[in-house]
């Protein structure tokens, strides 16, 4: 498992993020404080505070290079 910080501070970013990760069969969780939600759930994402960076847990060790490439636009610098 790998955890990174991402930013989803607009509706467009949330939509494109969900579309990007649904191409992978692995599980992705977003962690914000004590809340953990399925990162492939648009409704779940909108229940979080999107004004701050969110932790993304990637539940795989396979294809991490490919996954990180897809996630580049959302990474917190």
PDB file of N, CA and C in Angstrom:
ATOM      1  N   UNK A   1       0.843  -1.186   0.000  1.00  0.00           N
ATOM      2  CA  UNK A   1       0.000   0.000   0.000  1.00  0.00           C
ATOM      3  C   UNK A   1       0.882   1.240   0.000  1.00  0.00           C
ATOM      4  N   UNK A   2       0.438   2.252  -0.713  1.00  0.00           N
ATOM      5  CA  UNK A   2       1.163   3.524  -0.776  1.00  0.00           C
ATOM      6  C   UNK A   2       0.165   4.639  -0.473  1.00  0.00           C
ATOM      7  N   UNK A   3       0.598   5.626   0.301  1.00  0.00           N
ATOM      8  CA  UNK A   3      -0.262   6.761   0.623  1.00  0.00           C
ATOM      9  C   UNK A   3       0.392   8.045   0.118  1.00  0.00           C
ATOM     10  N   UNK A   4      -0.398   8.849  -0.587  1.00  0.00           N
ATOM     11  CA  UNK A   4       0.078  10.128  -1.109  1.00  0.00           C
ATOM     12  C   UNK A   4      -0.942  11.208  -0.774  1.00  0.00           C
ATOM     13  N   UNK A   5      -0.530  12.466  -0.895  1.00  0.00           N
ATOM     14  CA  UNK A   5      -1.469  13.575  -0.674  1.00  0.00           C
ATOM     15  C   UNK A   5      -1.899  14.134  -2.014  1.00  0.00           C
ATOM     16  N   UNK A   6      -3.209  14.339  -2.155  1.00  0.00           N
ATOM     17  CA  UNK A   6      -3.750  14.910  -3.380  1.00  0.00           C
ATOM     18  C   UNK A   6      -4.647  16.096  -3.034  1.00  0.00           C
ATOM     19  N   UNK A   7      -4.925  16.891  -4.059  1.00  0.00           N
ATOM     20  CA  UNK A   7      -5.828  18.032  -3.904  1.00  0.00           C
ATOM     21  C   UNK A   7      -6.945  17.902  -4.929  1.00  0.00           C
ATOM     22  N   UNK A   8      -8.182  17.960  -4.457  1.00  0.00           N
ATOM     23  CA  UNK A   8      -9.363  17.901  -5.327  1.00  0.00           C
ATOM     24  C   UNK A   8     -10.217  19.131  -5.025  1.00  0.00           C
ATOM     25  N   UNK A   9      -9.715  20.307  -5.411  1.00  0.00           N
ATOM     26  CA  UNK A   9     -10.343  21.549  -4.978  1.00  0.00           C
ATOM     27  C   UNK A   9     -11.341  22.140  -5.977  1.00  0.00           C
ATOM     28  N   UNK A  10     -11.785  21.338  -6.944  1.00  0.00           N
ATOM     29  CA  UNK A  10     -12.837  21.814  -7.849  1.00  0.00           C
ATOM     30  C   UNK A  10     -13.686  20.620  -8.307  1.00  0.00           C
ATOM     31  N   UNK A  11     -14.898  20.920  -8.746  1.00  0.00           N
ATOM     32  CA  UNK A  11     -15.804  19.860  -9.206  1.00  0.00           C
ATOM     33  C   UNK A  11     -15.200  19.147 -10.414  1.00  0.00           C
ATOM     34  N   UNK A  12     -14.601  19.893 -11.313  1.00  0.00           N
ATOM     35  CA  UNK A  12     -13.971  19.297 -12.493  1.00  0.00           C
ATOM     36  C   UNK A  12     -12.854  18.347 -12.127  1.00  0.00           C
ATOM     37  N   UNK A  13     -12.050  18.737 -11.127  1.00  0.00           N
ATOM     38  CA  UNK A  13     -10.953  17.866 -10.680  1.00  0.00           C
ATOM     39  C   UNK A  13     -11.492  16.572 -10.079  1.00  0.00           C
ATOM     40  N   UNK A  14     -12.575  16.652  -9.317  1.00  0.00           N
ATOM     41  CA  UNK A  14     -13.154  15.455  -8.708  1.00  0.00           C
ATOM     42  C   UNK A  14     -13.623  14.501  -9.806  1.00  0.00           C
ATOM     43  N   UNK A  15     -14.331  15.028 -10.793  1.00  0.00           N
ATOM     44  CA  UNK A  15     -14.840  14.186 -11.886  1.00  0.00           C
ATOM     45  C   UNK A  15     -13.694  13.524 -12.649  1.00  0.00           C
ATOM     46  N   UNK A  16     -12.685  14.300 -13.021  1.00  0.00           N
ATOM     47  CA  UNK A  16     -11.583  13.729 -13.803  1.00  0.00           C
ATOM     48  C   UNK A  16     -10.766  12.748 -12.964  1.00  0.00           C
ATOM     49  N   UNK A  17     -10.636  13.014 -11.647  1.00  0.00           N
ATOM     50  CA  UNK A  17      -9.918  12.093 -10.753  1.00  0.00           C
ATOM     51  C   UNK A  17     -10.629  10.741 -10.699  1.00  0.00           C
ATOM     52  N   UNK A  18     -11.947  10.745 -10.488  1.00  0.00           N
ATOM     53  CA  UNK A  18     -12.707   9.492 -10.407  1.00  0.00           C
ATOM     54  C   UNK A  18     -12.619   8.746 -11.739  1.00  0.00           C
ATOM     55  N   UNK A  19     -12.741   9.463 -12.861  1.00  0.00           N
ATOM     56  CA  UNK A  19     -12.607   8.815 -14.169  1.00  0.00           C
ATOM     57  C   UNK A  19     -11.224   8.204 -14.350  1.00  0.00           C
ATOM     58  N   UNK A  20     -10.196   8.881 -13.848  1.00  0.00           N
ATOM     59  CA  UNK A  20      -8.822   8.391 -14.002  1.00  0.00           C
ATOM     60  C   UNK A  20      -8.582   7.115 -13.198  1.00  0.00           C
ATOM     61  N   UNK A  21      -9.073   7.060 -11.959  1.00  0.00           N
ATOM     62  CA  UNK A  21      -8.749   5.886 -11.137  1.00  0.00           C
ATOM     63  C   UNK A  21      -9.681   4.704 -11.370  1.00  0.00           C
ATOM     64  N   UNK A  22     -10.848   4.937 -11.965  1.00  0.00           N
ATOM     65  CA  UNK A  22     -11.744   3.798 -12.199  1.00  0.00           C
ATOM     66  C   UNK A  22     -11.210   2.858 -13.276  1.00  0.00           C
ATOM     67  N   UNK A  23     -10.206   3.291 -14.034  1.00  0.00           N
ATOM     68  CA  UNK A  23      -9.608   2.394 -15.032  1.00  0.00           C
ATOM     69  C   UNK A  23      -8.749   1.306 -14.379  1.00  0.00           C
ATOM     70  N   UNK A  24      -8.443   1.464 -13.097  1.00  0.00           N
ATOM     71  CA  UNK A  24      -7.657   0.467 -12.366  1.00  0.00           C
ATOM     72  C   UNK A  24      -8.585  -0.385 -11.506  1.00  0.00           C
ATOM     73  N   UNK A  25      -8.280  -1.681 -11.404  1.00  0.00           N
ATOM     74  CA  UNK A  25      -9.144  -2.563 -10.610  1.00  0.00           C
ATOM     75  C   UNK A  25      -8.804  -2.529  -9.125  1.00  0.00           C
ATOM     76  N   UNK A  26      -7.757  -1.822  -8.752  1.00  0.00           N
ATOM     77  CA  UNK A  26      -7.320  -1.786  -7.351  1.00  0.00           C
ATOM     78  C   UNK A  26      -8.237  -0.899  -6.513  1.00  0.00           C
ATOM     79  N   UNK A  27      -8.129  -1.071  -5.186  1.00  0.00           N
ATOM     80  CA  UNK A  27      -8.904  -0.237  -4.272  1.00  0.00           C
ATOM     81  C   UNK A  27      -8.137   1.034  -3.956  1.00  0.00           C
ATOM     82  N   UNK A  28      -8.859   2.133  -3.893  1.00  0.00           N
ATOM     83  CA  UNK A  28      -8.316   3.436  -3.525  1.00  0.00           C
ATOM     84  C   UNK A  28      -9.209   4.006  -2.435  1.00  0.00           C
ATOM     85  N   UNK A  29      -8.606   4.487  -1.345  1.00  0.00           N
ATOM     86  CA  UNK A  29      -9.370   5.117  -0.268  1.00  0.00           C
ATOM     87  C   UNK A  29      -8.883   6.539  -0.075  1.00  0.00           C
ATOM     88  N   UNK A  30      -9.820   7.448   0.185  1.00  0.00           N
ATOM     89  CA  UNK A  30      -9.472   8.810   0.566  1.00  0.00           C
ATOM     90  C   UNK A  30      -9.639   8.929   2.074  1.00  0.00           C
ATOM     91  N   UNK A  31      -8.640   9.516   2.725  1.00  0.00           N
ATOM     92  CA  UNK A  31      -8.641   9.628   4.181  1.00  0.00           C
ATOM     93  C   UNK A  31      -8.556  11.108   4.542  1.00  0.00           C
ATOM     94  N   UNK A  32      -9.576  11.571   5.247  1.00  0.00           N
ATOM     95  CA  UNK A  32      -9.620  12.963   5.689  1.00  0.00           C
ATOM     96  C   UNK A  32     -10.022  12.957   7.159  1.00  0.00           C
ATOM     97  N   UNK A  33      -9.059  13.210   8.030  1.00  0.00           N
ATOM     98  CA  UNK A  33      -9.335  13.131   9.464  1.00  0.00           C
ATOM     99  C   UNK A  33      -9.686  11.711   9.838  1.00  0.00           C
ATOM    100  N   UNK A  34     -10.863  11.525  10.431  1.00  0.00           N
ATOM    101  CA  UNK A  34     -11.272  10.171  10.824  1.00  0.00           C
ATOM    102  C   UNK A  34     -12.172   9.509   9.791  1.00  0.00           C
ATOM    103  N   UNK A  35     -12.386  10.167   8.661  1.00  0.00           N
ATOM    104  CA  UNK A  35     -13.242   9.618   7.607  1.00  0.00           C
ATOM    105  C   UNK A  35     -12.408   8.903   6.548  1.00  0.00           C
ATOM    106  N   UNK A  36     -12.850   7.714   6.173  1.00  0.00           N
ATOM    107  CA  UNK A  36     -12.237   6.952   5.083  1.00  0.00           C
ATOM    108  C   UNK A  36     -13.350   6.606   4.098  1.00  0.00           C
ATOM    109  N   UNK A  37     -13.180   7.037   2.857  1.00  0.00           N
ATOM    110  CA  UNK A  37     -14.212   6.758   1.854  1.00  0.00           C
ATOM    111  C   UNK A  37     -13.581   6.144   0.608  1.00  0.00           C
ATOM    112  N   UNK A  38     -14.401   5.460  -0.167  1.00  0.00           N
ATOM    113  CA  UNK A  38     -13.972   4.870  -1.432  1.00  0.00           C
ATOM    114  C   UNK A  38     -13.678   6.010  -2.408  1.00  0.00           C
ATOM    115  N   UNK A  39     -12.450   6.055  -2.913  1.00  0.00           N
ATOM    116  CA  UNK A  39     -12.056   7.150  -3.801  1.00  0.00           C
ATOM    117  C   UNK A  39     -12.758   7.090  -5.158  1.00  0.00           C
ATOM    118  N   UNK A  40     -13.414   5.991  -5.469  1.00  0.00           N
ATOM    119  CA  UNK A  40     -14.139   5.881  -6.736  1.00  0.00           C
ATOM    120  C   UNK A  40     -15.584   6.361  -6.604  1.00  0.00           C
ATOM    121  N   UNK A  41     -15.964   6.848  -5.422  1.00  0.00           N
ATOM    122  CA  UNK A  41     -17.324   7.311  -5.163  1.00  0.00           C
ATOM    123  C   UNK A  41     -17.383   8.838  -5.203  1.00  0.00           C
ATOM    124  N   UNK A  42     -17.986   9.365  -6.260  1.00  0.00           N
ATOM    125  CA  UNK A  42     -18.101  10.824  -6.378  1.00  0.00           C
ATOM    126  C   UNK A  42     -18.886  11.402  -5.203  1.00  0.00           C
ATOM    127  N   UNK A  43     -19.987  10.754  -4.839  1.00  0.00           N
ATOM    128  CA  UNK A  43     -20.791  11.248  -3.711  1.00  0.00           C
ATOM    129  C   UNK A  43     -19.974  11.229  -2.413  1.00  0.00           C
ATOM    130  N   UNK A  44     -19.200  10.186  -2.215  1.00  0.00           N
ATOM    131  CA  UNK A  44     -18.356  10.102  -1.030  1.00  0.00           C
ATOM    132  C   UNK A  44     -17.336  11.222  -0.993  1.00  0.00           C
ATOM    133  N   UNK A  45     -16.716  11.514  -2.125  1.00  0.00           N
ATOM    134  CA  UNK A  45     -15.698  12.575  -2.186  1.00  0.00           C
ATOM    135  C   UNK A  45     -16.320  13.916  -1.813  1.00  0.00           C
ATOM    136  N   UNK A  46     -17.531  14.185  -2.303  1.00  0.00           N
ATOM    137  CA  UNK A  46     -18.154  15.472  -2.005  1.00  0.00           C
ATOM    138  C   UNK A  46     -18.584  15.594  -0.542  1.00  0.00           C
ATOM    139  N   UNK A  47     -18.527  14.491   0.209  1.00  0.00           N
ATOM    140  CA  UNK A  47     -18.837  14.578   1.636  1.00  0.00           C
ATOM    141  C   UNK A  47     -17.620  15.021   2.453  1.00  0.00           C
ATOM    142  N   UNK A  48     -16.458  15.117   1.788  1.00  0.00           N
ATOM    143  CA  UNK A  48     -15.228  15.514   2.485  1.00  0.00           C
ATOM    144  C   UNK A  48     -14.988  17.016   2.353  1.00  0.00           C
ATOM    145  N   UNK A  49     -14.108  17.537   3.205  1.00  0.00           N
ATOM    146  CA  UNK A  49     -13.674  18.933   3.109  1.00  0.00           C
ATOM    147  C   UNK A  49     -12.615  19.006   2.017  1.00  0.00           C
ATOM    148  N   UNK A  50     -12.994  19.516   0.853  1.00  0.00           N
ATOM    149  CA  UNK A  50     -12.086  19.532  -0.298  1.00  0.00           C
ATOM    150  C   UNK A  50     -11.207  20.774  -0.349  1.00  0.00           C
ATOM    151  N   UNK A  51     -11.303  21.637   0.655  1.00  0.00           N
ATOM    152  CA  UNK A  51     -10.469  22.838   0.659  1.00  0.00           C
ATOM    153  C   UNK A  51      -9.041  22.523   1.110  1.00  0.00           C
ATOM    154  N   UNK A  52      -8.843  21.334   1.701  1.00  0.00           N
ATOM    155  CA  UNK A  52      -7.520  20.929   2.186  1.00  0.00           C
ATOM    156  C   UNK A  52      -7.057  19.693   1.424  1.00  0.00           C
ATOM    157  N   UNK A  53      -5.734  19.455   1.394  1.00  0.00           N
ATOM    158  CA  UNK A  53      -5.240  18.211   0.776  1.00  0.00           C
ATOM    159  C   UNK A  53      -5.792  16.986   1.504  1.00  0.00           C
ATOM    160  N   UNK A  54      -5.956  15.901   0.764  1.00  0.00           N
ATOM    161  CA  UNK A  54      -6.528  14.654   1.278  1.00  0.00           C
ATOM    162  C   UNK A  54      -5.516  13.543   1.045  1.00  0.00           C
ATOM    163  N   UNK A  55      -5.438  12.594   1.978  1.00  0.00           N
ATOM    164  CA  UNK A  55      -4.566  11.432   1.796  1.00  0.00           C
ATOM    165  C   UNK A  55      -5.279  10.405   0.917  1.00  0.00           C
ATOM    166  N   UNK A  56      -4.553   9.878  -0.055  1.00  0.00           N
ATOM    167  CA  UNK A  56      -5.060   8.814  -0.925  1.00  0.00           C
ATOM    168  C   UNK A  56      -4.254   7.551  -0.651  1.00  0.00           C
ATOM    169  N   UNK A  57      -4.938   6.499  -0.223  1.00  0.00           N
ATOM    170  CA  UNK A  57      -4.297   5.206   0.009  1.00  0.00           C
ATOM    171  C   UNK A  57      -4.529   4.328  -1.216  1.00  0.00           C
ATOM    172  N   UNK A  58      -3.430   3.884  -1.814  1.00  0.00           N
ATOM    173  CA  UNK A  58      -3.487   3.016  -2.992  1.00  0.00           C
ATOM    174  C   UNK A  58      -3.182   1.605  -2.513  1.00  0.00           C
ATOM    175  N   UNK A  59      -4.146   0.708  -2.636  1.00  0.00           N
ATOM    176  CA  UNK A  59      -4.015  -0.637  -2.080  1.00  0.00           C
ATOM    177  C   UNK A  59      -3.449  -1.632  -3.094  1.00  0.00           C
ATOM    178  N   UNK A  60      -2.236  -1.348  -3.544  1.00  0.00           N
ATOM    179  CA  UNK A  60      -1.539  -2.277  -4.432  1.00  0.00           C
ATOM    180  C   UNK A  60      -0.065  -1.910  -4.465  1.00  0.00           C
ATOM    181  N   UNK A  61       0.755  -2.851  -4.856  1.00  0.00           N
ATOM    182  CA  UNK A  61       2.164  -2.578  -5.115  1.00  0.00           C
ATOM    183  C   UNK A  61       2.437  -2.721  -6.610  1.00  0.00           C
ATOM    184  N   UNK A  62       1.443  -3.176  -7.364  1.00  0.00           N
ATOM    185  CA  UNK A  62       1.589  -3.381  -8.805  1.00  0.00           C
ATOM    186  C   UNK A  62       1.277  -2.090  -9.561  1.00  0.00           C
ATOM    187  N   UNK A  63       1.949  -1.912 -10.680  1.00  0.00           N
ATOM    188  CA  UNK A  63       1.670  -0.787 -11.592  1.00  0.00           C
ATOM    189  C   UNK A  63       1.716   0.584 -10.909  1.00  0.00           C
ATOM    190  N   UNK A  64       2.499   0.732  -9.850  1.00  0.00           N
ATOM    191  CA  UNK A  64       2.522   2.022  -9.144  1.00  0.00           C
ATOM    192  C   UNK A  64       3.030   3.148 -10.040  1.00  0.00           C
ATOM    193  N   UNK A  65       3.978   2.858 -10.925  1.00  0.00           N
ATOM    194  CA  UNK A  65       4.477   3.902 -11.827  1.00  0.00           C
ATOM    195  C   UNK A  65       3.365   4.421 -12.718  1.00  0.00           C
ATOM    196  N   UNK A  66       2.572   3.497 -13.263  1.00  0.00           N
ATOM    197  CA  UNK A  66       1.453   3.878 -14.132  1.00  0.00           C
ATOM    198  C   UNK A  66       0.398   4.662 -13.349  1.00  0.00           C
ATOM    199  N   UNK A  67       0.085   4.205 -12.140  1.00  0.00           N
ATOM    200  CA  UNK A  67      -0.909   4.888 -11.300  1.00  0.00           C
ATOM    201  C   UNK A  67      -0.427   6.290 -10.944  1.00  0.00           C
ATOM    202  N   UNK A  68       0.839   6.412 -10.556  1.00  0.00           N
ATOM    203  CA  UNK A  68       1.379   7.731 -10.180  1.00  0.00           C
ATOM    204  C   UNK A  68       1.371   8.690 -11.372  1.00  0.00           C
ATOM    205  N   UNK A  69       1.610   8.170 -12.558  1.00  0.00           N
ATOM    206  CA  UNK A  69       1.573   9.007 -13.766  1.00  0.00           C
ATOM    207  C   UNK A  69       0.166   9.575 -13.970  1.00  0.00           C
ATOM    208  N   UNK A  70      -0.858   8.743 -13.789  1.00  0.00           N
ATOM    209  CA  UNK A  70      -2.245   9.170 -13.947  1.00  0.00           C
ATOM    210  C   UNK A  70      -2.624  10.191 -12.863  1.00  0.00           C
ATOM    211  N   UNK A  71      -2.039  10.035 -11.666  1.00  0.00           N
ATOM    212  CA  UNK A  71      -2.390  10.904 -10.540  1.00  0.00           C
ATOM    213  C   UNK A  71      -1.612  12.216 -10.499  1.00  0.00           C
ATOM    214  N   UNK A  72      -0.655  12.408 -11.394  1.00  0.00           N
ATOM    215  CA  UNK A  72       0.199  13.613 -11.378  1.00  0.00           C
ATOM    216  C   UNK A  72      -0.566  14.939 -11.262  1.00  0.00           C
ATOM    217  N   UNK A  73      -1.670  15.123 -12.016  1.00  0.00           N
ATOM    218  CA  UNK A  73      -2.364  16.421 -11.941  1.00  0.00           C
ATOM    219  C   UNK A  73      -2.978  16.711 -10.559  1.00  0.00           C
ATOM    220  N   UNK A  74      -3.108  15.701  -9.721  1.00  0.00           N
ATOM    221  CA  UNK A  74      -3.797  15.869  -8.434  1.00  0.00           C
ATOM    222  C   UNK A  74      -2.842  15.899  -7.244  1.00  0.00           C
ATOM    223  N   UNK A  75      -1.556  15.644  -7.486  1.00  0.00           N
ATOM    224  CA  UNK A  75      -0.590  15.572  -6.383  1.00  0.00           C
ATOM    225  C   UNK A  75      -0.373  16.945  -5.750  1.00  0.00           C
ATOM    226  N   UNK A  76      -0.203  16.942  -4.440  1.00  0.00           N
ATOM    227  CA  UNK A  76       0.130  18.163  -3.710  1.00  0.00           C
ATOM    228  C   UNK A  76       1.635  18.343  -3.807  1.00  0.00           C
ATOM    229  N   UNK A  77       2.059  19.516  -4.224  1.00  0.00           N
ATOM    230  CA  UNK A  77       3.495  19.762  -4.407  1.00  0.00           C
ATOM    231  C   UNK A  77       4.176  20.081  -3.095  1.00  0.00           C
TER     232      UNK A  77
END
